[in-house]
Amino acid sequence: MKTPLYEEHVALGARMVDFSGWTMPLLYLPAGGQGRGIIQEHVHTRECASIFDTCHMGIFEISGTAAESDLEYLVTQSVSSLKPGACSYGYLLAENGGVIDDL
């Protein structure tokens, strides 16, 4: 499957790969195919800005009286401090403390 940003990724020189059935950018290459590399992309994101295509990610709705406390237990970010409509980045951890996925 392709996200709505697929054509833009290709036009910008992305090396596209399969990610769970989605064609997603792995990294971006300048004209001629010589990569700037992941480190340069990371620095650019930290010092300037980058756009992340999140169209392939799932959405979960958790409700009920224990929803907030359950989420506080499951994820590394503080859920109780979020205002309605806000988001936060963190991890879903395995029982051994390893990362299952980022959220």
PDB file of N, CA and C in Angstrom:
ATOM      1  N   MET A   1       0.847  -1.171   0.000  1.00  0.00           N
ATOM      2  CA  MET A   1       0.000   0.000   0.000  1.00  0.00           C
ATOM      3  C   MET A   1       0.894   1.236   0.000  1.00  0.00           C
ATOM      4  N   LYS A   2       0.339   2.314  -0.501  1.00  0.00           N
ATOM      5  CA  LYS A   2       1.068   3.574  -0.564  1.00  0.00           C
ATOM      6  C   LYS A   2       0.329   4.630   0.253  1.00  0.00           C
ATOM      7  N   THR A   3       1.077   5.447   0.981  1.00  0.00           N
ATOM      8  CA  THR A   3       0.467   6.546   1.714  1.00  0.00           C
ATOM      9  C   THR A   3       0.221   7.708   0.759  1.00  0.00           C
ATOM     10  N   PRO A   4      -0.576   8.697   1.161  1.00  0.00           N
ATOM     11  CA  PRO A   4      -0.796   9.865   0.301  1.00  0.00           C
ATOM     12  C   PRO A   4       0.490  10.630  -0.016  1.00  0.00           C
ATOM     13  N   LEU A   5       1.549  10.441   0.768  1.00  0.00           N
ATOM     14  CA  LEU A   5       2.814  11.138   0.532  1.00  0.00           C
ATOM     15  C   LEU A   5       3.792  10.335  -0.325  1.00  0.00           C
ATOM     16  N   TYR A   6       3.378   9.191  -0.831  1.00  0.00           N
ATOM     17  CA  TYR A   6       4.280   8.320  -1.588  1.00  0.00           C
ATOM     18  C   TYR A   6       4.983   9.063  -2.729  1.00  0.00           C
ATOM     19  N   GLU A   7       4.231   9.729  -3.589  1.00  0.00           N
ATOM     20  CA  GLU A   7       4.810  10.414  -4.752  1.00  0.00           C
ATOM     21  C   GLU A   7       5.815  11.481  -4.309  1.00  0.00           C
ATOM     22  N   GLU A   8       5.515  12.161  -3.219  1.00  0.00           N
ATOM     23  CA  GLU A   8       6.430  13.186  -2.704  1.00  0.00           C
ATOM     24  C   GLU A   8       7.728  12.555  -2.207  1.00  0.00           C
ATOM     25  N   HIS A   9       7.615  11.424  -1.507  1.00  0.00           N
ATOM     26  CA  HIS A   9       8.818  10.707  -1.058  1.00  0.00           C
ATOM     27  C   HIS A   9       9.708  10.342  -2.247  1.00  0.00           C
ATOM     28  N   VAL A  10       9.101   9.786  -3.289  1.00  0.00           N
ATOM     29  CA  VAL A  10       9.856   9.367  -4.474  1.00  0.00           C
ATOM     30  C   VAL A  10      10.486  10.587  -5.151  1.00  0.00           C
ATOM     31  N   ALA A  11       9.728  11.658  -5.289  1.00  0.00           N
ATOM     32  CA  ALA A  11      10.245  12.873  -5.938  1.00  0.00           C
ATOM     33  C   ALA A  11      11.423  13.464  -5.164  1.00  0.00           C
ATOM     34  N   LEU A  12      11.444  13.270  -3.856  1.00  0.00           N
ATOM     35  CA  LEU A  12      12.523  13.809  -3.024  1.00  0.00           C
ATOM     36  C   LEU A  12      13.718  12.856  -2.920  1.00  0.00           C
ATOM     37  N   GLY A  13      13.650  11.729  -3.635  1.00  0.00           N
ATOM     38  CA  GLY A  13      14.786  10.811  -3.670  1.00  0.00           C
ATOM     39  C   GLY A  13      14.820   9.786  -2.556  1.00  0.00           C
ATOM     40  N   ALA A  14      13.674   9.424  -2.016  1.00  0.00           N
ATOM     41  CA  ALA A  14      13.648   8.446  -0.936  1.00  0.00           C
ATOM     42  C   ALA A  14      13.954   7.042  -1.440  1.00  0.00           C
ATOM     43  N   ARG A  15      14.701   6.296  -0.665  1.00  0.00           N
ATOM     44  CA  ARG A  15      14.859   4.863  -0.905  1.00  0.00           C
ATOM     45  C   ARG A  15      13.667   4.206  -0.228  1.00  0.00           C
ATOM     46  N   MET A  16      12.768   3.657  -1.023  1.00  0.00           N
ATOM     47  CA  MET A  16      11.516   3.105  -0.514  1.00  0.00           C
ATOM     48  C   MET A  16      11.675   1.617  -0.198  1.00  0.00           C
ATOM     49  N   VAL A  17      11.061   1.191   0.911  1.00  0.00           N
ATOM     50  CA  VAL A  17      11.108  -0.201   1.337  1.00  0.00           C
ATOM     51  C   VAL A  17       9.725  -0.632   1.817  1.00  0.00           C
ATOM     52  N   ASP A  18       9.524  -1.947   1.882  1.00  0.00           N
ATOM     53  CA  ASP A  18       8.282  -2.482   2.423  1.00  0.00           C
ATOM     54  C   ASP A  18       8.336  -2.442   3.943  1.00  0.00           C
ATOM     55  N   PHE A  19       7.283  -1.936   4.563  1.00  0.00           N
ATOM     56  CA  PHE A  19       7.151  -1.908   6.011  1.00  0.00           C
ATOM     57  C   PHE A  19       5.757  -2.383   6.357  1.00  0.00           C
ATOM     58  N   SER A  20       5.626  -3.660   6.685  1.00  0.00           N
ATOM     59  CA  SER A  20       4.332  -4.249   7.043  1.00  0.00           C
ATOM     60  C   SER A  20       3.255  -3.990   6.003  1.00  0.00           C
ATOM     61  N   GLY A  21       3.637  -4.125   4.727  1.00  0.00           N
ATOM     62  CA  GLY A  21       2.671  -3.950   3.658  1.00  0.00           C
ATOM     63  C   GLY A  21       2.573  -2.534   3.114  1.00  0.00           C
ATOM     64  N   TRP A  22       3.259  -1.593   3.740  1.00  0.00           N
ATOM     65  CA  TRP A  22       3.271  -0.207   3.282  1.00  0.00           C
ATOM     66  C   TRP A  22       4.612   0.087   2.616  1.00  0.00           C
ATOM     67  N   THR A  23       4.602   0.848   1.524  1.00  0.00           N
ATOM     68  CA  THR A  23       5.833   1.290   0.887  1.00  0.00           C
ATOM     69  C   THR A  23       6.228   2.601   1.549  1.00  0.00           C
ATOM     70  N   MET A  24       7.323   2.551   2.328  1.00  0.00           N
ATOM     71  CA  MET A  24       7.723   3.684   3.159  1.00  0.00           C
ATOM     72  C   MET A  24       9.166   4.097   2.861  1.00  0.00           C
ATOM     73  N   PRO A  25       9.501   5.378   3.121  1.00  0.00           N
ATOM     74  CA  PRO A  25      10.887   5.814   2.901  1.00  0.00           C
ATOM     75  C   PRO A  25      11.807   5.298   4.000  1.00  0.00           C
ATOM     76  N   LEU A  26      12.952   4.766   3.605  1.00  0.00           N
ATOM     77  CA  LEU A  26      13.970   4.338   4.560  1.00  0.00           C
ATOM     78  C   LEU A  26      14.947   5.486   4.812  1.00  0.00           C
ATOM     79  N   LEU A  27      15.390   6.105   3.716  1.00  0.00           N
ATOM     80  CA  LEU A  27      16.244   7.285   3.797  1.00  0.00           C
ATOM     81  C   LEU A  27      16.169   8.009   2.474  1.00  0.00           C
ATOM     82  N   TYR A  28      16.688   9.224   2.446  1.00  0.00           N
ATOM     83  CA  TYR A  28      16.619  10.052   1.250  1.00  0.00           C
ATOM     84  C   TYR A  28      17.988  10.160   0.610  1.00  0.00           C
ATOM     85  N   LEU A  29      17.999  10.074  -0.710  1.00  0.00           N
ATOM     86  CA  LEU A  29      19.231  10.146  -1.494  1.00  0.00           C
ATOM     87  C   LEU A  29      19.188  11.373  -2.385  1.00  0.00           C
ATOM     88  N   PRO A  30      20.279  12.117  -2.492  1.00  0.00           N
ATOM     89  CA  PRO A  30      20.302  13.243  -3.439  1.00  0.00           C
ATOM     90  C   PRO A  30      20.394  12.719  -4.864  1.00  0.00           C
ATOM     91  N   ALA A  31      20.279  13.599  -5.832  1.00  0.00           N
ATOM     92  CA  ALA A  31      20.412  13.210  -7.242  1.00  0.00           C
ATOM     93  C   ALA A  31      21.727  12.473  -7.435  1.00  0.00           C
ATOM     94  N   GLY A  32      21.721  11.390  -8.193  1.00  0.00           N
ATOM     95  CA  GLY A  32      22.919  10.591  -8.414  1.00  0.00           C
ATOM     96  C   GLY A  32      23.005   9.390  -7.493  1.00  0.00           C
ATOM     97  N   GLY A  33      22.144   9.334  -6.469  1.00  0.00           N
ATOM     98  CA  GLY A  33      22.068   8.143  -5.634  1.00  0.00           C
ATOM     99  C   GLY A  33      23.085   8.017  -4.521  1.00  0.00           C
ATOM    100  N   GLN A  34      23.924   9.022  -4.304  1.00  0.00           N
ATOM    101  CA  GLN A  34      24.890   8.942  -3.209  1.00  0.00           C
ATOM    102  C   GLN A  34      24.233   9.488  -1.949  1.00  0.00           C
ATOM    103  N   GLY A  35      24.031   8.616  -0.951  1.00  0.00           N
ATOM    104  CA  GLY A  35      23.299   8.988   0.241  1.00  0.00           C
ATOM    105  C   GLY A  35      24.037   9.935   1.158  1.00  0.00           C
ATOM    106  N   ARG A  36      23.297  10.851   1.729  1.00  0.00           N
ATOM    107  CA  ARG A  36      23.834  11.732   2.756  1.00  0.00           C
ATOM    108  C   ARG A  36      23.935  10.969   4.063  1.00  0.00           C
ATOM    109  N   GLY A  37      23.063  10.004   4.231  1.00  0.00           N
ATOM    110  CA  GLY A  37      23.123   9.146   5.390  1.00  0.00           C
ATOM    111  C   GLY A  37      22.132   9.505   6.482  1.00  0.00           C
ATOM    112  N   ILE A  38      21.902   8.528   7.321  1.00  0.00           N
ATOM    113  CA  ILE A  38      20.953   8.645   8.423  1.00  0.00           C
ATOM    114  C   ILE A  38      21.388   9.722   9.413  1.00  0.00           C
ATOM    115  N   ILE A  39      22.679   9.820   9.693  1.00  0.00           N
ATOM    116  CA  ILE A  39      23.163  10.803  10.669  1.00  0.00           C
ATOM    117  C   ILE A  39      22.823  12.221  10.214  1.00  0.00           C
ATOM    118  N   GLN A  40      23.055  12.512   8.936  1.00  0.00           N
ATOM    119  CA  GLN A  40      22.743  13.847   8.433  1.00  0.00           C
ATOM    120  C   GLN A  40      21.243  14.122   8.491  1.00  0.00           C
ATOM    121  N   GLU A  41      20.427  13.109   8.214  1.00  0.00           N
ATOM    122  CA  GLU A  41      18.980  13.288   8.320  1.00  0.00           C
ATOM    123  C   GLU A  41      18.588  13.560   9.762  1.00  0.00           C
ATOM    124  N   HIS A  42      19.197  12.841  10.690  1.00  0.00           N
ATOM    125  CA  HIS A  42      18.920  13.037  12.114  1.00  0.00           C
ATOM    126  C   HIS A  42      19.285  14.468  12.531  1.00  0.00           C
ATOM    127  N   VAL A  43      20.473  14.921  12.151  1.00  0.00           N
ATOM    128  CA  VAL A  43      20.922  16.273  12.505  1.00  0.00           C
ATOM    129  C   VAL A  43      19.979  17.317  11.915  1.00  0.00           C
ATOM    130  N   HIS A  44      19.579  17.120  10.670  1.00  0.00           N
ATOM    131  CA  HIS A  44      18.642  18.055  10.036  1.00  0.00           C
ATOM    132  C   HIS A  44      17.343  18.134  10.837  1.00  0.00           C
ATOM    133  N   THR A  45      16.826  16.989  11.242  1.00  0.00           N
ATOM    134  CA  THR A  45      15.583  16.955  12.014  1.00  0.00           C
ATOM    135  C   THR A  45      15.749  17.692  13.338  1.00  0.00           C
ATOM    136  N   ARG A  46      16.889  17.482  14.015  1.00  0.00           N
ATOM    137  CA  ARG A  46      17.136  18.130  15.315  1.00  0.00           C
ATOM    138  C   ARG A  46      17.350  19.634  15.175  1.00  0.00           C
ATOM    139  N   GLU A  47      18.044  20.063  14.113  1.00  0.00           N
ATOM    140  CA  GLU A  47      18.408  21.463  13.982  1.00  0.00           C
ATOM    141  C   GLU A  47      17.421  22.286  13.160  1.00  0.00           C
ATOM    142  N   CYS A  48      16.682  21.652  12.275  1.00  0.00           N
ATOM    143  CA  CYS A  48      15.740  22.370  11.411  1.00  0.00           C
ATOM    144  C   CYS A  48      14.348  21.805  11.633  1.00  0.00           C
ATOM    145  N   ALA A  49      13.895  20.992  10.718  1.00  0.00           N
ATOM    146  CA  ALA A  49      12.586  20.347  10.828  1.00  0.00           C
ATOM    147  C   ALA A  49      12.502  19.227   9.806  1.00  0.00           C
ATOM    148  N   SER A  50      11.656  18.264  10.072  1.00  0.00           N
ATOM    149  CA  SER A  50      11.397  17.172   9.141  1.00  0.00           C
ATOM    150  C   SER A  50       9.919  16.805   9.231  1.00  0.00           C
ATOM    151  N   ILE A  51       9.422  16.204   8.181  1.00  0.00           N
ATOM    152  CA  ILE A  51       8.047  15.714   8.165  1.00  0.00           C
ATOM    153  C   ILE A  51       8.102  14.196   8.224  1.00  0.00           C
ATOM    154  N   PHE A  52       7.301  13.610   9.086  1.00  0.00           N
ATOM    155  CA  PHE A  52       7.238  12.166   9.221  1.00  0.00           C
ATOM    156  C   PHE A  52       5.886  11.678   8.726  1.00  0.00           C
ATOM    157  N   ASP A  53       5.912  10.734   7.810  1.00  0.00           N
ATOM    158  CA  ASP A  53       4.704  10.155   7.239  1.00  0.00           C
ATOM    159  C   ASP A  53       4.188   9.092   8.199  1.00  0.00           C
ATOM    160  N   THR A  54       3.119   9.399   8.900  1.00  0.00           N
ATOM    161  CA  THR A  54       2.568   8.474   9.893  1.00  0.00           C
ATOM    162  C   THR A  54       1.265   7.818   9.422  1.00  0.00           C
ATOM    163  N   CYS A  55       0.978   7.917   8.130  1.00  0.00           N
ATOM    164  CA  CYS A  55      -0.273   7.383   7.592  1.00  0.00           C
ATOM    165  C   CYS A  55      -0.424   5.879   7.818  1.00  0.00           C
ATOM    166  N   HIS A  56       0.679   5.165   7.939  1.00  0.00           N
ATOM    167  CA  HIS A  56       0.639   3.714   8.084  1.00  0.00           C
ATOM    168  C   HIS A  56       0.366   3.276   9.524  1.00  0.00           C
ATOM    169  N   MET A  57       0.382   4.202  10.464  1.00  0.00           N
ATOM    170  CA  MET A  57       0.244   3.845  11.872  1.00  0.00           C
ATOM    171  C   MET A  57      -1.215   3.629  12.254  1.00  0.00           C
ATOM    172  N   GLY A  58      -1.419   2.770  13.202  1.00  0.00           N
ATOM    173  CA  GLY A  58      -2.761   2.467  13.681  1.00  0.00           C
ATOM    174  C   GLY A  58      -3.245   3.466  14.711  1.00  0.00           C
ATOM    175  N   ILE A  59      -4.546   3.472  14.935  1.00  0.00           N
ATOM    176  CA  ILE A  59      -5.169   4.316  15.948  1.00  0.00           C
ATOM    177  C   ILE A  59      -5.944   3.398  16.884  1.00  0.00           C
ATOM    178  N   PHE A  60      -5.743   3.595  18.169  1.00  0.00           N
ATOM    179  CA  PHE A  60      -6.456   2.820  19.176  1.00  0.00           C
ATOM    180  C   PHE A  60      -7.269   3.769  20.033  1.00  0.00           C
ATOM    181  N   GLU A  61      -8.486   3.382  20.333  1.00  0.00           N
ATOM    182  CA  GLU A  61      -9.320   4.161  21.240  1.00  0.00           C
ATOM    183  C   GLU A  61      -9.527   3.326  22.494  1.00  0.00           C
ATOM    184  N   ILE A  62      -9.096   3.870  23.607  1.00  0.00           N
ATOM    185  CA  ILE A  62      -9.216   3.179  24.891  1.00  0.00           C
ATOM    186  C   ILE A  62     -10.152   4.001  25.758  1.00  0.00           C
ATOM    187  N   SER A  63     -11.166   3.361  26.304  1.00  0.00           N
ATOM    188  CA  SER A  63     -12.150   4.092  27.097  1.00  0.00           C
ATOM    189  C   SER A  63     -12.465   3.315  28.370  1.00  0.00           C
ATOM    190  N   GLY A  64     -13.249   3.944  29.197  1.00  0.00           N
ATOM    191  CA  GLY A  64     -13.651   3.325  30.463  1.00  0.00           C
ATOM    192  C   GLY A  64     -13.023   4.045  31.648  1.00  0.00           C
ATOM    193  N   THR A  65     -13.500   3.713  32.829  1.00  0.00           N
ATOM    194  CA  THR A  65     -13.054   4.418  34.033  1.00  0.00           C
ATOM    195  C   THR A  65     -11.584   4.174  34.349  1.00  0.00           C
ATOM    196  N   ALA A  66     -11.012   3.062  33.909  1.00  0.00           N
ATOM    197  CA  ALA A  66      -9.605   2.757  34.201  1.00  0.00           C
ATOM    198  C   ALA A  66      -8.680   3.067  33.026  1.00  0.00           C
ATOM    199  N   ALA A  67      -9.194   3.707  31.973  1.00  0.00           N
ATOM    200  CA  ALA A  67      -8.393   3.945  30.761  1.00  0.00           C
ATOM    201  C   ALA A  67      -7.111   4.712  31.071  1.00  0.00           C
ATOM    202  N   GLU A  68      -7.210   5.805  31.825  1.00  0.00           N
ATOM    203  CA  GLU A  68      -6.025   6.615  32.111  1.00  0.00           C
ATOM    204  C   GLU A  68      -5.004   5.838  32.933  1.00  0.00           C
ATOM    205  N   SER A  69      -5.438   5.173  33.968  1.00  0.00           N
ATOM    206  CA  SER A  69      -4.493   4.418  34.807  1.00  0.00           C
ATOM    207  C   SER A  69      -3.914   3.229  34.048  1.00  0.00           C
ATOM    208  N   ASP A  70      -4.702   2.607  33.199  1.00  0.00           N
ATOM    209  CA  ASP A  70      -4.177   1.503  32.385  1.00  0.00           C
ATOM    210  C   ASP A  70      -3.082   2.004  31.448  1.00  0.00           C
ATOM    211  N   LEU A  71      -3.312   3.151  30.802  1.00  0.00           N
ATOM    212  CA  LEU A  71      -2.308   3.710  29.905  1.00  0.00           C
ATOM    213  C   LEU A  71      -1.053   4.141  30.666  1.00  0.00           C
ATOM    214  N   GLU A  72      -1.214   4.704  31.856  1.00  0.00           N
ATOM    215  CA  GLU A  72      -0.048   5.089  32.670  1.00  0.00           C
ATOM    216  C   GLU A  72       0.818   3.862  32.958  1.00  0.00           C
ATOM    217  N   TYR A  73       0.191   2.718  33.095  1.00  0.00           N
ATOM    218  CA  TYR A  73       0.904   1.469  33.364  1.00  0.00           C
ATOM    219  C   TYR A  73       1.579   0.918  32.105  1.00  0.00           C
ATOM    220  N   LEU A  74       0.961   1.111  30.952  1.00  0.00           N
ATOM    221  CA  LEU A  74       1.421   0.492  29.708  1.00  0.00           C
ATOM    222  C   LEU A  74       2.496   1.266  28.957  1.00  0.00           C
ATOM    223  N   VAL A  75       2.500   2.592  29.067  1.00  0.00           N
ATOM    224  CA  VAL A  75       3.391   3.405  28.236  1.00  0.00           C
ATOM    225  C   VAL A  75       4.343   4.240  29.087  1.00  0.00           C
ATOM    226  N   THR A  76       5.437   4.683  28.468  1.00  0.00           N
ATOM    227  CA  THR A  76       6.468   5.407  29.214  1.00  0.00           C
ATOM    228  C   THR A  76       6.166   6.889  29.402  1.00  0.00           C
ATOM    229  N   GLN A  77       5.326   7.467  28.580  1.00  0.00           N
ATOM    230  CA  GLN A  77       5.024   8.882  28.727  1.00  0.00           C
ATOM    231  C   GLN A  77       3.884   9.085  29.727  1.00  0.00           C
ATOM    232  N   SER A  78       3.833  10.277  30.298  1.00  0.00           N
ATOM    233  CA  SER A  78       2.764  10.596  31.244  1.00  0.00           C
ATOM    234  C   SER A  78       1.485  10.903  30.478  1.00  0.00           C
ATOM    235  N   VAL A  79       0.472  10.095  30.701  1.00  0.00           N
ATOM    236  CA  VAL A  79      -0.813  10.285  30.035  1.00  0.00           C
ATOM    237  C   VAL A  79      -1.658  11.297  30.805  1.00  0.00           C
ATOM    238  N   SER A  80      -1.581  11.268  32.119  1.00  0.00           N
ATOM    239  CA  SER A  80      -2.432  12.131  32.946  1.00  0.00           C
ATOM    240  C   SER A  80      -2.130  13.616  32.756  1.00  0.00           C
ATOM    241  N   SER A  81      -0.930  13.961  32.290  1.00  0.00           N
ATOM    242  CA  SER A  81      -0.578  15.372  32.105  1.00  0.00           C
ATOM    243  C   SER A  81      -1.024  15.920  30.753  1.00  0.00           C
ATOM    244  N   LEU A  82      -1.537  15.077  29.875  1.00  0.00           N
ATOM    245  CA  LEU A  82      -1.960  15.526  28.545  1.00  0.00           C
ATOM    246  C   LEU A  82      -3.327  16.201  28.591  1.00  0.00           C
ATOM    247  N   LYS A  83      -3.444  17.279  27.858  1.00  0.00           N
ATOM    248  CA  LYS A  83      -4.730  17.951  27.709  1.00  0.00           C
ATOM    249  C   LYS A  83      -5.500  17.272  26.572  1.00  0.00           C
ATOM    250  N   PRO A  84      -6.834  17.329  26.571  1.00  0.00           N
ATOM    251  CA  PRO A  84      -7.613  16.725  25.486  1.00  0.00           C
ATOM    252  C   PRO A  84      -7.138  17.209  24.124  1.00  0.00           C
ATOM    253  N   GLY A  85      -6.941  16.279  23.200  1.00  0.00           N
ATOM    254  CA  GLY A  85      -6.492  16.585  21.856  1.00  0.00           C
ATOM    255  C   GLY A  85      -4.986  16.652  21.703  1.00  0.00           C
ATOM    256  N   ALA A  86      -4.252  16.599  22.819  1.00  0.00           N
ATOM    257  CA  ALA A  86      -2.790  16.665  22.767  1.00  0.00           C
ATOM    258  C   ALA A  86      -2.225  15.261  22.566  1.00  0.00           C
ATOM    259  N   CYS A  87      -0.937  15.202  22.223  1.00  0.00           N
ATOM    260  CA  CYS A  87      -0.286  13.914  22.068  1.00  0.00           C
ATOM    261  C   CYS A  87       1.102  13.972  22.685  1.00  0.00           C
ATOM    262  N   SER A  88       1.686  12.821  22.868  1.00  0.00           N
ATOM    263  CA  SER A  88       3.022  12.719  23.443  1.00  0.00           C
ATOM    264  C   SER A  88       3.694  11.498  22.847  1.00  0.00           C
ATOM    265  N   TYR A  89       5.013  11.532  22.769  1.00  0.00           N
ATOM    266  CA  TYR A  89       5.774  10.427  22.187  1.00  0.00           C
ATOM    267  C   TYR A  89       6.363   9.578  23.303  1.00  0.00           C
ATOM    268  N   GLY A  90       6.266   8.271  23.169  1.00  0.00           N
ATOM    269  CA  GLY A  90       6.836   7.363  24.163  1.00  0.00           C
ATOM    270  C   GLY A  90       6.878   5.947  23.635  1.00  0.00           C
ATOM    271  N   TYR A  91       6.958   5.013  24.546  1.00  0.00           N
ATOM    272  CA  TYR A  91       7.128   3.605  24.169  1.00  0.00           C
ATOM    273  C   TYR A  91       6.146   2.695  24.897  1.00  0.00           C
ATOM    274  N   LEU A  92       5.793   1.621  24.221  1.00  0.00           N
ATOM    275  CA  LEU A  92       5.075   0.518  24.821  1.00  0.00           C
ATOM    276  C   LEU A  92       6.131  -0.522  25.142  1.00  0.00           C
ATOM    277  N   LEU A  93       6.251  -0.888  26.411  1.00  0.00           N
ATOM    278  CA  LEU A  93       7.323  -1.776  26.835  1.00  0.00           C
ATOM    279  C   LEU A  93       6.848  -3.210  27.053  1.00  0.00           C
ATOM    280  N   ALA A  94       7.738  -4.142  26.843  1.00  0.00           N
ATOM    281  CA  ALA A  94       7.496  -5.552  27.153  1.00  0.00           C
ATOM    282  C   ALA A  94       7.694  -5.744  28.662  1.00  0.00           C
ATOM    283  N   GLU A  95       7.289  -6.869  29.177  1.00  0.00           N
ATOM    284  CA  GLU A  95       7.429  -7.157  30.597  1.00  0.00           C
ATOM    285  C   GLU A  95       8.885  -7.093  31.051  1.00  0.00           C
ATOM    286  N   ASN A  96       9.833  -7.429  30.163  1.00  0.00           N
ATOM    287  CA  ASN A  96      11.248  -7.398  30.524  1.00  0.00           C
ATOM    288  C   ASN A  96      11.872  -6.018  30.364  1.00  0.00           C
ATOM    289  N   GLY A  97      11.060  -5.019  29.991  1.00  0.00           N
ATOM    290  CA  GLY A  97      11.559  -3.662  29.822  1.00  0.00           C
ATOM    291  C   GLY A  97      11.994  -3.316  28.421  1.00  0.00           C
ATOM    292  N   GLY A  98      12.010  -4.300  27.521  1.00  0.00           N
ATOM    293  CA  GLY A  98      12.368  -4.031  26.128  1.00  0.00           C
ATOM    294  C   GLY A  98      11.250  -3.267  25.430  1.00  0.00           C
ATOM    295  N   VAL A  99      11.599  -2.578  24.372  1.00  0.00           N
ATOM    296  CA  VAL A  99      10.624  -1.780  23.625  1.00  0.00           C
ATOM    297  C   VAL A  99       9.867  -2.668  22.642  1.00  0.00           C
ATOM    298  N   ILE A 100       8.543  -2.661  22.743  1.00  0.00           N
ATOM    299  CA  ILE A 100       7.691  -3.346  21.770  1.00  0.00           C
ATOM    300  C   ILE A 100       7.489  -2.437  20.562  1.00  0.00           C
ATOM    301  N   ASP A 101       7.169  -1.167  20.828  1.00  0.00           N
ATOM    302  CA  ASP A 101       6.948  -0.220  19.737  1.00  0.00           C
ATOM    303  C   ASP A 101       6.928   1.192  20.296  1.00  0.00           C
ATOM    304  N   ASP A 102       7.137   2.158  19.396  1.00  0.00           N
ATOM    305  CA  ASP A 102       6.998   3.555  19.792  1.00  0.00           C
ATOM    306  C   ASP A 102       5.571   3.983  19.532  1.00  0.00           C
ATOM    307  N   LEU A 103       5.110   4.948  20.314  1.00  0.00           N
ATOM    308  CA  LEU A 103       3.731   5.415  20.230  1.00  0.00           C
ATOM    309  C   LEU A 103       3.706   6.929  20.169  1.00  0.00           C
TER     310      LEU A 103
END
